[in-house]
Amino acid sequence: HGQGPIIRINPTEIHISDPDFYGTIYSHARVNKEEAFRYRLGHPGSMHSTVEKSLHQKRRAALTPHFSRRQVLEFTPGTFKAVKLDAAFAAFVTDNIVYYAFATSYDFLNYPDFETPFITALAALFNEQQICTHFPSLLSFMESLPKSVCAIIQPSLVPFFNYRNEIKTQLRNTINREYKADKNIQQEADDNIKHEPVFRDILHSGLPPEELSLSRLQDEAGIIVTAAIATTGTTMSIACFHVLSNPSIYQRICQELISAFPDSTMQPTLPELETLPYLTAVIQESLRFSYGISQRLPRIFDTAIGYDSYTIPPGVPISLTCCIQHHDERIFPSSQTFKPDRWLDNPKAPGTDKPLSTYLVSFGKGSRSCLGTTFAYAQLYIGLATVFRRVKMELFETERDAVDMASDHFAQTPKAGTKGVRVLIK
């Protein structure tokens, strides 16, 4: 144990708080994860939860083509109206990622107050996540019980198991459609789909049969949907809160969008939106406050790693933490203040010749970085541009504690009792 940038935080793990060392640990080197983190989100067979680096590489290779920029540009997310913004954005993200993955939609945006079963399920999972990390067999044991028994012992987990069953149903439907004998029926269904659904195409990805089992794909699909809701939806809520809290920022982003797209009924393309400097700056600053995964992310190297005067032996878990890096005052002065201007004109980090974006790690970096980064950016650009261009609104009984992280449940969680980001539509 000790003080300073490098400390031992438990008997086996070292944590380092040094923004310039982030790229060393989260590089494109093939690294393992810690076994204890395999079960923390209830999807142990997913690519995200895979411990072994060789298996992770195989699973990632099968998914990567679906989240390339070309594929994302061919898939255009929709738009919506919002009142309870955090719930609305979560519904927006869920509808998009489910349609992208399975070519089906639950139309969660049409649910009253946007309160959907998926969102309820993930809230329950995140509340139990810390326990599941330390007791990895808990979720599988509870899922093996009859639902009525689980409802008595741990009722908060029932929505999560319902969520997993719904993902399994979607996968069964995908598999059945793909191998349906009547190809004419299959072709008629395909004519209405403008993109290649992820979990239909993955059946022909060349993965071995054990990687295409229903249970393994259930884990993969579950973590993809979970990640989208927990990260992108949160970032959009944070963006709206801070923009609406600051009239000058709100006026500036609205003016940029009006100047670029005078006709509010026009749907701009993603490449067009990416050229808007202030919208981009707002998104970058919102990502700095949203963290993606708020927990530390241990990585295990096969070789020794040097840091300062230390030599860290192979096999020792090493971690850094996104939220600590994003509030490092040396890199982001006045880090608790929402300042989109810090991202304008291709800025360098203070006192360095490195781009400031080097230190923005909401999607991680390296060989285990977020697979859906391009998809997430597409939703952020299109979703936020649509809201700020088409909807006039103001915050309603919402304080900053509705978006600031009060606790860490894999994703950041605001103070208990807050009602989310709520607005009045003018």
Protein backbone atom coordinates (compact mmCIF):
# COMPACT_ATOMS: atom_id res chain seq x y z
CA HIS A 1 0.00 0.00 0.00
CA GLY A 2 1.04 3.62 -0.30
CA GLN A 3 0.14 7.08 -1.48
CA GLY A 4 0.53 8.71 -4.84
CA PRO A 5 -0.24 7.59 -8.36
CA ILE A 6 0.45 3.87 -7.78
CA ILE A 7 -1.08 1.89 -4.92
CA ARG A 8 -2.06 -1.68 -4.14
CA ILE A 9 -5.83 -1.59 -3.63
CA ASN A 10 -6.28 -5.24 -2.69
CA PRO A 11 -4.02 -8.25 -2.16
CA THR A 12 -3.60 -8.90 -5.89
CA GLU A 13 -4.33 -5.66 -7.78
CA ILE A 14 -2.42 -2.45 -8.47
CA HIS A 15 -4.22 0.78 -9.36
CA ILE A 16 -2.43 3.65 -11.10
CA SER A 17 -3.78 7.20 -11.39
CA ASP A 18 -1.74 8.68 -14.22
CA PRO A 19 -3.42 9.85 -17.46
CA ASP A 20 -0.19 9.41 -19.41
CA PHE A 21 0.00 5.73 -18.43
CA TYR A 22 -3.53 4.92 -19.59
CA GLY A 23 -2.43 4.10 -23.13
CA THR A 24 0.15 1.64 -21.82
CA ILE A 25 -2.36 -0.49 -19.95
CA TYR A 26 -5.25 -0.07 -22.39
CA SER A 27 -3.23 -0.60 -25.55
CA HIS A 28 -3.73 -2.90 -28.53
CA ALA A 29 -1.70 -5.58 -26.78
CA ARG A 30 -3.69 -8.76 -26.15
CA VAL A 31 -4.39 -8.92 -22.43
CA ASN A 32 -6.45 -11.02 -20.05
CA LYS A 33 -9.10 -9.88 -17.63
CA GLU A 34 -9.50 -10.85 -14.01
CA GLU A 35 -11.58 -14.00 -13.47
CA ALA A 36 -13.68 -12.35 -10.76
CA PHE A 37 -15.10 -9.89 -13.30
CA ARG A 38 -16.49 -12.60 -15.62
CA TYR A 39 -19.82 -12.86 -13.81
CA ARG A 40 -20.49 -9.33 -12.59
CA LEU A 41 -23.09 -8.49 -15.25
CA GLY A 42 -24.74 -11.88 -15.53
CA HIS A 43 -23.49 -12.52 -19.08
CA PRO A 44 -20.32 -14.62 -18.58
CA GLY A 45 -20.26 -15.89 -22.17
CA SER A 46 -20.18 -12.44 -23.78
CA MET A 47 -17.17 -10.95 -25.50
CA HIS A 48 -17.06 -8.17 -22.89
CA SER A 49 -16.88 -10.66 -20.01
CA THR A 50 -14.35 -12.98 -21.67
CA VAL A 51 -11.24 -13.43 -19.54
CA GLU A 52 -8.91 -15.26 -21.96
CA LYS A 53 -7.32 -12.96 -24.54
CA SER A 54 -7.31 -15.47 -27.42
CA LEU A 55 -11.01 -16.26 -27.02
CA HIS A 56 -11.81 -12.56 -26.65
CA GLN A 57 -10.01 -11.85 -29.93
CA LYS A 58 -12.02 -14.55 -31.72
CA ARG A 59 -15.35 -13.30 -30.38
CA ARG A 60 -14.53 -9.67 -31.09
CA ALA A 61 -13.52 -10.44 -34.67
CA ALA A 62 -16.97 -11.92 -35.34
CA LEU A 63 -18.73 -8.75 -34.11
CA THR A 64 -16.39 -6.01 -35.31
CA PRO A 65 -17.71 -5.74 -38.91
CA HIS A 66 -21.18 -4.86 -37.64
CA PHE A 67 -19.95 -1.82 -35.74
CA SER A 68 -17.72 -0.37 -38.45
CA ARG A 69 -18.37 3.17 -39.62
CA ARG A 70 -19.69 1.95 -42.97
CA GLN A 71 -22.25 -0.32 -41.34
CA VAL A 72 -23.38 2.37 -38.89
CA LEU A 73 -23.80 4.94 -41.68
CA GLU A 74 -26.09 2.52 -43.50
CA PHE A 75 -28.26 2.29 -40.40
CA THR A 76 -29.99 5.57 -39.53
CA PRO A 77 -31.52 5.78 -36.02
CA GLY A 78 -34.89 7.47 -35.60
CA THR A 79 -36.03 10.51 -33.64
CA PHE A 80 -38.46 11.16 -30.80
CA LYS A 81 -40.10 13.58 -28.41
CA ALA A 82 -39.04 13.57 -24.78
CA VAL A 83 -40.41 14.69 -21.42
CA LYS A 84 -38.64 12.49 -18.89
CA LEU A 85 -35.35 12.64 -20.70
CA ASP A 86 -33.30 9.93 -19.05
CA ALA A 87 -36.06 7.38 -19.57
CA ALA A 88 -36.76 8.68 -23.09
CA PHE A 89 -33.12 8.47 -24.14
CA ALA A 90 -32.84 4.96 -22.71
CA ALA A 91 -35.92 3.95 -24.74
CA PHE A 92 -34.46 5.59 -27.85
CA VAL A 93 -31.16 3.75 -27.47
CA THR A 94 -32.88 0.43 -26.73
CA ASP A 95 -35.14 0.63 -29.77
CA ASN A 96 -32.14 1.36 -31.99
CA ILE A 97 -29.76 -1.28 -30.69
CA VAL A 98 -32.43 -4.01 -30.61
CA TYR A 99 -33.43 -3.21 -34.19
CA TYR A 100 -29.80 -3.13 -35.27
CA ALA A 101 -29.09 -6.48 -33.62
CA PHE A 102 -32.32 -8.37 -34.41
CA ALA A 103 -34.26 -6.33 -37.03
CA THR A 104 -37.17 -6.01 -34.63
CA SER A 105 -38.36 -3.21 -32.37
CA TYR A 106 -40.30 -3.02 -29.12
CA ASP A 107 -41.32 0.60 -29.81
CA PHE A 108 -40.31 1.56 -26.29
CA LEU A 109 -40.57 5.21 -27.29
CA ASN A 110 -44.34 4.76 -27.35
CA TYR A 111 -44.48 3.44 -23.77
CA PRO A 112 -46.20 5.74 -21.25
CA ASP A 113 -43.51 7.91 -19.60
CA PHE A 114 -40.95 5.73 -21.43
CA GLU A 115 -40.90 3.32 -18.48
CA THR A 116 -39.88 0.05 -20.11
CA PRO A 117 -39.15 -3.43 -18.76
CA PHE A 118 -35.58 -3.45 -20.10
CA ILE A 119 -34.68 -0.30 -18.19
CA THR A 120 -36.23 -1.67 -15.02
CA ALA A 121 -34.29 -4.90 -15.49
CA LEU A 122 -30.94 -3.19 -15.88
CA ALA A 123 -31.52 -0.97 -12.87
CA ALA A 124 -32.06 -4.13 -10.85
CA LEU A 125 -28.92 -5.74 -12.25
CA PHE A 126 -26.71 -2.73 -11.52
CA ASN A 127 -27.98 -2.57 -7.95
CA GLU A 128 -26.85 -6.17 -7.43
CA GLN A 129 -23.69 -5.93 -9.51
CA GLN A 130 -21.21 -5.51 -6.68
CA ILE A 131 -22.56 -8.60 -4.92
CA CYS A 132 -22.45 -10.61 -8.15
CA THR A 133 -18.78 -9.72 -8.63
CA HIS A 134 -17.85 -11.25 -5.29
CA PHE A 135 -20.34 -14.12 -5.46
CA PRO A 136 -20.18 -15.12 -9.15
CA SER A 137 -22.55 -18.08 -8.85
CA LEU A 138 -25.38 -16.02 -7.35
CA LEU A 139 -27.08 -14.97 -10.57
CA SER A 140 -26.93 -18.40 -12.20
CA PHE A 141 -28.29 -19.99 -9.03
CA MET A 142 -31.16 -17.51 -8.76
CA GLU A 143 -31.96 -17.92 -12.45
CA SER A 144 -32.18 -21.69 -12.01
CA LEU A 145 -34.96 -21.30 -9.45
CA PRO A 146 -38.65 -21.13 -10.37
CA LYS A 147 -39.65 -17.55 -10.94
CA SER A 148 -42.10 -17.69 -8.04
CA VAL A 149 -39.31 -18.72 -5.66
CA CYS A 150 -36.96 -16.03 -6.96
CA ALA A 151 -39.72 -13.47 -6.50
CA ILE A 152 -39.80 -14.33 -2.80
CA ILE A 153 -36.05 -14.53 -2.19
CA GLN A 154 -34.85 -11.66 -4.38
CA PRO A 155 -37.77 -9.98 -6.20
CA SER A 156 -35.54 -7.22 -7.64
CA LEU A 157 -33.85 -9.78 -9.93
CA VAL A 158 -37.06 -11.01 -11.57
CA PRO A 159 -37.11 -8.18 -14.17
CA PHE A 160 -33.51 -8.98 -15.09
CA PHE A 161 -34.29 -12.65 -15.68
CA ASN A 162 -37.33 -11.66 -17.74
CA TYR A 163 -34.99 -9.46 -19.78
CA ARG A 164 -32.61 -12.37 -20.39
CA ASN A 165 -35.51 -14.58 -21.45
CA GLU A 166 -36.69 -11.94 -23.90
CA ILE A 167 -33.19 -11.75 -25.41
CA LYS A 168 -33.24 -15.55 -25.72
CA THR A 169 -36.61 -15.38 -27.49
CA GLN A 170 -35.23 -12.89 -30.01
CA LEU A 171 -32.27 -15.16 -30.69
CA ARG A 172 -34.51 -18.21 -31.16
CA ASN A 173 -36.60 -16.24 -33.63
CA THR A 174 -33.49 -15.15 -35.50
CA ILE A 175 -32.14 -18.69 -35.70
CA ASN A 176 -35.50 -20.08 -36.81
CA ARG A 177 -35.89 -17.44 -39.52
CA GLU A 178 -32.35 -17.95 -40.76
CA TYR A 179 -32.74 -21.70 -41.16
CA LYS A 180 -36.35 -21.66 -42.29
CA ALA A 181 -36.95 -24.10 -45.11
CA ASP A 182 -39.14 -21.73 -47.13
CA LYS A 183 -36.60 -19.27 -48.53
CA ASN A 184 -39.35 -17.31 -50.31
CA ILE A 185 -40.82 -16.36 -46.94
CA GLN A 186 -37.35 -15.46 -45.71
CA GLN A 187 -36.68 -13.27 -48.75
CA GLU A 188 -40.01 -11.45 -48.33
CA ALA A 189 -39.08 -10.61 -44.74
CA ASP A 190 -35.60 -9.49 -45.78
CA ASP A 191 -36.97 -7.00 -48.31
CA ASN A 192 -38.16 -4.77 -45.45
CA ILE A 193 -34.77 -4.76 -43.68
CA LYS A 194 -32.20 -2.20 -44.83
CA HIS A 195 -29.25 -3.53 -42.85
CA GLU A 196 -27.74 -6.88 -41.91
CA PRO A 197 -28.90 -7.74 -38.37
CA VAL A 198 -25.93 -8.53 -36.15
CA PHE A 199 -27.17 -11.84 -34.78
CA ARG A 200 -28.35 -13.15 -38.09
CA ASP A 201 -25.05 -12.51 -39.77
CA ILE A 202 -23.00 -13.84 -36.86
CA LEU A 203 -24.49 -17.29 -37.51
CA HIS A 204 -22.36 -17.31 -40.68
CA SER A 205 -19.28 -15.64 -39.18
CA GLY A 206 -17.12 -18.75 -39.10
CA LEU A 207 -17.23 -19.10 -35.33
CA PRO A 208 -17.08 -22.73 -34.14
CA PRO A 209 -20.38 -24.38 -33.10
CA GLU A 210 -19.77 -23.96 -29.36
CA GLU A 211 -19.51 -20.20 -29.88
CA LEU A 212 -22.90 -20.17 -31.60
CA SER A 213 -24.83 -21.94 -28.85
CA LEU A 214 -28.03 -20.25 -27.70
CA SER A 215 -26.69 -19.61 -24.20
CA ARG A 216 -23.45 -18.06 -25.48
CA LEU A 217 -25.25 -15.79 -27.93
CA GLN A 218 -27.72 -14.86 -25.21
CA ASP A 219 -24.81 -13.52 -23.16
CA GLU A 220 -23.38 -11.67 -26.16
CA ALA A 221 -26.67 -10.04 -27.08
CA GLY A 222 -27.46 -9.20 -23.48
CA ILE A 223 -24.23 -7.33 -22.92
CA ILE A 224 -24.53 -5.38 -26.19
CA VAL A 225 -28.00 -4.13 -25.28
CA THR A 226 -26.99 -3.51 -21.68
CA ALA A 227 -23.94 -1.47 -22.66
CA ALA A 228 -25.91 0.71 -25.06
CA ILE A 229 -28.59 1.59 -22.51
CA ALA A 230 -26.20 2.15 -19.62
CA THR A 231 -23.69 4.34 -21.44
CA THR A 232 -25.16 6.16 -24.45
CA GLY A 233 -28.50 6.91 -22.82
CA THR A 234 -26.74 8.28 -19.75
CA THR A 235 -24.51 10.52 -21.85
CA MET A 236 -27.51 12.02 -23.64
CA SER A 237 -29.24 12.79 -20.33
CA ILE A 238 -26.10 14.42 -18.96
CA ALA A 239 -25.74 16.51 -22.12
CA CYS A 240 -29.30 17.80 -21.93
CA PHE A 241 -29.07 18.64 -18.23
CA HIS A 242 -25.90 20.69 -18.58
CA VAL A 243 -26.96 22.40 -21.80
CA LEU A 244 -30.36 23.37 -20.42
CA SER A 245 -28.75 24.52 -17.16
CA ASN A 246 -26.63 27.04 -19.04
CA PRO A 247 -28.65 29.44 -21.25
CA SER A 248 -25.60 30.60 -23.21
CA ILE A 249 -24.63 27.03 -24.12
CA TYR A 250 -28.24 26.20 -25.01
CA GLN A 251 -28.55 29.28 -27.22
CA ARG A 252 -25.25 28.59 -28.93
CA ILE A 253 -25.96 24.98 -29.85
CA CYS A 254 -29.49 25.81 -31.04
CA GLN A 255 -28.14 28.62 -33.20
CA GLU A 256 -25.53 26.36 -34.75
CA LEU A 257 -28.19 23.79 -35.63
CA ILE A 258 -30.60 26.40 -36.99
CA SER A 259 -27.87 27.91 -39.18
CA ALA A 260 -26.85 24.51 -40.52
CA PHE A 261 -30.39 23.16 -40.95
CA PRO A 262 -32.93 25.99 -41.37
CA ASP A 263 -35.70 23.49 -42.13
CA SER A 264 -36.41 21.74 -38.81
CA THR A 265 -38.24 18.91 -40.57
CA MET A 266 -35.09 17.97 -42.43
CA GLN A 267 -33.19 14.95 -41.08
CA PRO A 268 -29.46 15.69 -41.42
CA THR A 269 -27.08 12.83 -42.04
CA LEU A 270 -24.45 11.73 -39.57
CA PRO A 271 -21.52 13.06 -41.67
CA GLU A 272 -23.27 16.45 -41.84
CA LEU A 273 -23.72 16.57 -38.08
CA GLU A 274 -20.11 15.58 -37.48
CA THR A 275 -18.97 18.82 -39.16
CA LEU A 276 -20.67 20.99 -36.51
CA PRO A 277 -17.94 22.08 -34.08
CA TYR A 278 -20.09 23.14 -31.14
CA LEU A 279 -22.36 20.09 -31.25
CA THR A 280 -19.22 17.96 -31.33
CA ALA A 281 -17.78 19.88 -28.37
CA VAL A 282 -20.98 19.37 -26.36
CA ILE A 283 -20.85 15.64 -27.07
CA GLN A 284 -17.19 15.39 -26.07
CA GLU A 285 -17.78 17.27 -22.81
CA SER A 286 -20.84 15.14 -22.08
CA LEU A 287 -18.76 12.00 -22.57
CA ARG A 288 -16.21 13.40 -20.14
CA PHE A 289 -18.93 13.58 -17.50
CA SER A 290 -20.53 10.23 -18.32
CA TYR A 291 -17.44 7.99 -17.96
CA GLY A 292 -18.93 4.99 -19.82
CA ILE A 293 -17.91 2.35 -17.28
CA SER A 294 -17.30 4.00 -13.94
CA GLN A 295 -15.53 1.03 -12.35
CA ARG A 296 -11.84 0.34 -12.61
CA LEU A 297 -10.89 -2.00 -15.45
CA PRO A 298 -8.12 -4.44 -14.47
CA ARG A 299 -5.88 -5.85 -17.19
CA ILE A 300 -3.42 -8.72 -16.87
CA PHE A 301 -0.22 -8.83 -18.92
CA ASP A 302 1.94 -11.86 -19.69
CA THR A 303 5.08 -9.74 -19.41
CA ALA A 304 6.41 -7.31 -16.82
CA ILE A 305 5.24 -3.69 -17.09
CA GLY A 306 7.36 -0.75 -16.03
CA TYR A 307 5.92 2.33 -14.35
CA ASP A 308 8.19 5.06 -13.03
CA SER A 309 10.72 3.25 -10.83
CA TYR A 310 8.45 0.22 -10.39
CA THR A 311 8.46 -3.07 -12.25
CA ILE A 312 5.08 -4.78 -12.12
CA PRO A 313 5.43 -8.56 -12.50
CA PRO A 314 3.46 -10.47 -15.16
CA GLY A 315 0.10 -11.79 -14.03
CA VAL A 316 -0.65 -8.87 -11.67
CA PRO A 317 -3.98 -7.09 -12.40
CA ILE A 318 -3.35 -3.41 -13.19
CA SER A 319 -6.16 -0.88 -13.44
CA LEU A 320 -6.94 2.78 -14.02
CA THR A 321 -10.31 4.48 -13.57
CA CYS A 322 -12.06 6.65 -16.13
CA CYS A 323 -13.81 9.02 -13.72
CA ILE A 324 -10.53 9.81 -11.94
CA GLN A 325 -8.83 10.56 -15.25
CA HIS A 326 -11.69 12.75 -16.50
CA HIS A 327 -11.41 14.95 -13.42
CA ASP A 328 -7.65 15.24 -13.34
CA GLU A 329 -7.16 18.99 -12.97
CA ARG A 330 -3.81 18.84 -14.75
CA ILE A 331 -5.57 17.69 -17.92
CA PHE A 332 -9.05 19.19 -17.49
CA PRO A 333 -8.84 22.41 -15.42
CA SER A 334 -12.11 23.24 -13.62
CA SER A 335 -13.03 19.63 -14.28
CA GLN A 336 -16.37 19.84 -12.44
CA THR A 337 -17.54 22.64 -14.74
CA PHE A 338 -19.28 21.73 -18.01
CA LYS A 339 -17.23 23.65 -20.61
CA PRO A 340 -17.73 22.58 -24.24
CA ASP A 341 -15.32 25.33 -25.31
CA ARG A 342 -12.41 23.26 -24.01
CA TRP A 343 -12.89 20.96 -27.03
CA LEU A 344 -12.96 23.61 -29.76
CA ASP A 345 -10.17 24.16 -32.32
CA ASN A 346 -8.41 20.80 -31.89
CA PRO A 347 -6.99 21.59 -28.44
CA LYS A 348 -3.86 20.12 -26.88
CA ALA A 349 -3.76 18.91 -23.30
CA PRO A 350 -2.26 21.60 -21.01
CA GLY A 351 1.53 21.56 -21.05
CA THR A 352 1.74 18.83 -23.71
CA ASP A 353 1.69 18.40 -27.46
CA LYS A 354 -0.91 15.62 -27.19
CA PRO A 355 -4.48 16.14 -28.42
CA LEU A 356 -6.87 16.65 -25.51
CA SER A 357 -8.98 13.80 -26.90
CA THR A 358 -6.12 11.42 -25.98
CA TYR A 359 -7.31 11.66 -22.40
CA LEU A 360 -11.02 11.14 -23.12
CA VAL A 361 -11.50 7.46 -22.35
CA SER A 362 -15.27 7.00 -22.04
CA PHE A 363 -15.08 4.11 -24.51
CA GLY A 364 -11.81 2.73 -23.19
CA LYS A 365 -8.83 2.16 -25.44
CA GLY A 366 -6.89 -0.69 -26.95
CA SER A 367 -7.78 -4.27 -27.82
CA ARG A 368 -10.70 -4.36 -25.36
CA SER A 369 -12.14 -0.91 -26.04
CA CYS A 370 -15.87 -0.51 -26.61
CA LEU A 371 -16.91 -2.27 -29.81
CA GLY A 372 -19.88 0.04 -30.34
CA THR A 373 -18.09 3.40 -30.21
CA THR A 374 -19.11 4.41 -33.73
CA PHE A 375 -22.71 3.32 -33.14
CA ALA A 376 -22.79 5.27 -29.87
CA TYR A 377 -21.48 8.43 -31.52
CA ALA A 378 -24.13 8.11 -34.24
CA GLN A 379 -26.90 8.01 -31.64
CA LEU A 380 -25.39 10.92 -29.72
CA TYR A 381 -25.13 13.12 -32.80
CA ILE A 382 -28.54 12.30 -34.24
CA GLY A 383 -30.42 12.10 -30.94
CA LEU A 384 -29.07 15.31 -29.42
CA ALA A 385 -29.26 17.28 -32.67
CA THR A 386 -32.88 16.25 -33.11
CA VAL A 387 -33.87 17.25 -29.59
CA PHE A 388 -32.08 20.61 -29.59
CA ARG A 389 -33.25 21.51 -33.11
CA ARG A 390 -36.89 20.45 -32.88
CA VAL A 391 -37.90 20.66 -29.21
CA LYS A 392 -38.05 23.79 -27.06
CA MET A 393 -37.78 22.79 -23.42
CA GLU A 394 -36.66 23.78 -19.96
CA LEU A 395 -35.64 21.80 -16.90
CA PHE A 396 -38.38 20.94 -14.43
CA GLU A 397 -37.47 20.38 -10.77
CA THR A 398 -34.12 18.85 -11.72
CA GLU A 399 -30.90 19.56 -9.86
CA ARG A 400 -27.38 18.47 -10.65
CA ASP A 401 -27.62 15.50 -8.28
CA ALA A 402 -29.84 13.87 -10.91
CA VAL A 403 -26.80 13.36 -13.15
CA ASP A 404 -23.70 13.46 -10.92
CA MET A 405 -22.29 10.10 -9.88
CA ALA A 406 -23.08 9.29 -6.25
CA SER A 407 -22.26 5.58 -6.38
CA ASP A 408 -20.54 3.10 -8.65
CA HIS A 409 -22.60 0.17 -9.92
CA PHE A 410 -20.51 -0.62 -13.02
CA ALA A 411 -22.18 2.41 -14.60
CA GLN A 412 -22.42 5.64 -12.67
CA THR A 413 -25.51 6.00 -10.48
CA PRO A 414 -26.93 9.31 -9.21
CA LYS A 415 -28.04 9.97 -5.66
CA ALA A 416 -30.85 7.72 -4.46
CA GLY A 417 -34.24 9.36 -4.60
CA THR A 418 -33.59 11.65 -7.56
CA LYS A 419 -36.31 11.60 -10.20
CA GLY A 420 -34.10 11.88 -13.25
CA VAL A 421 -33.74 14.64 -15.80
CA ARG A 422 -37.23 16.08 -16.32
CA VAL A 423 -38.23 18.86 -18.70
CA LEU A 424 -41.25 20.91 -19.66
CA ILE A 425 -41.93 21.14 -23.39
CA LYS A 426 -42.63 24.72 -24.42
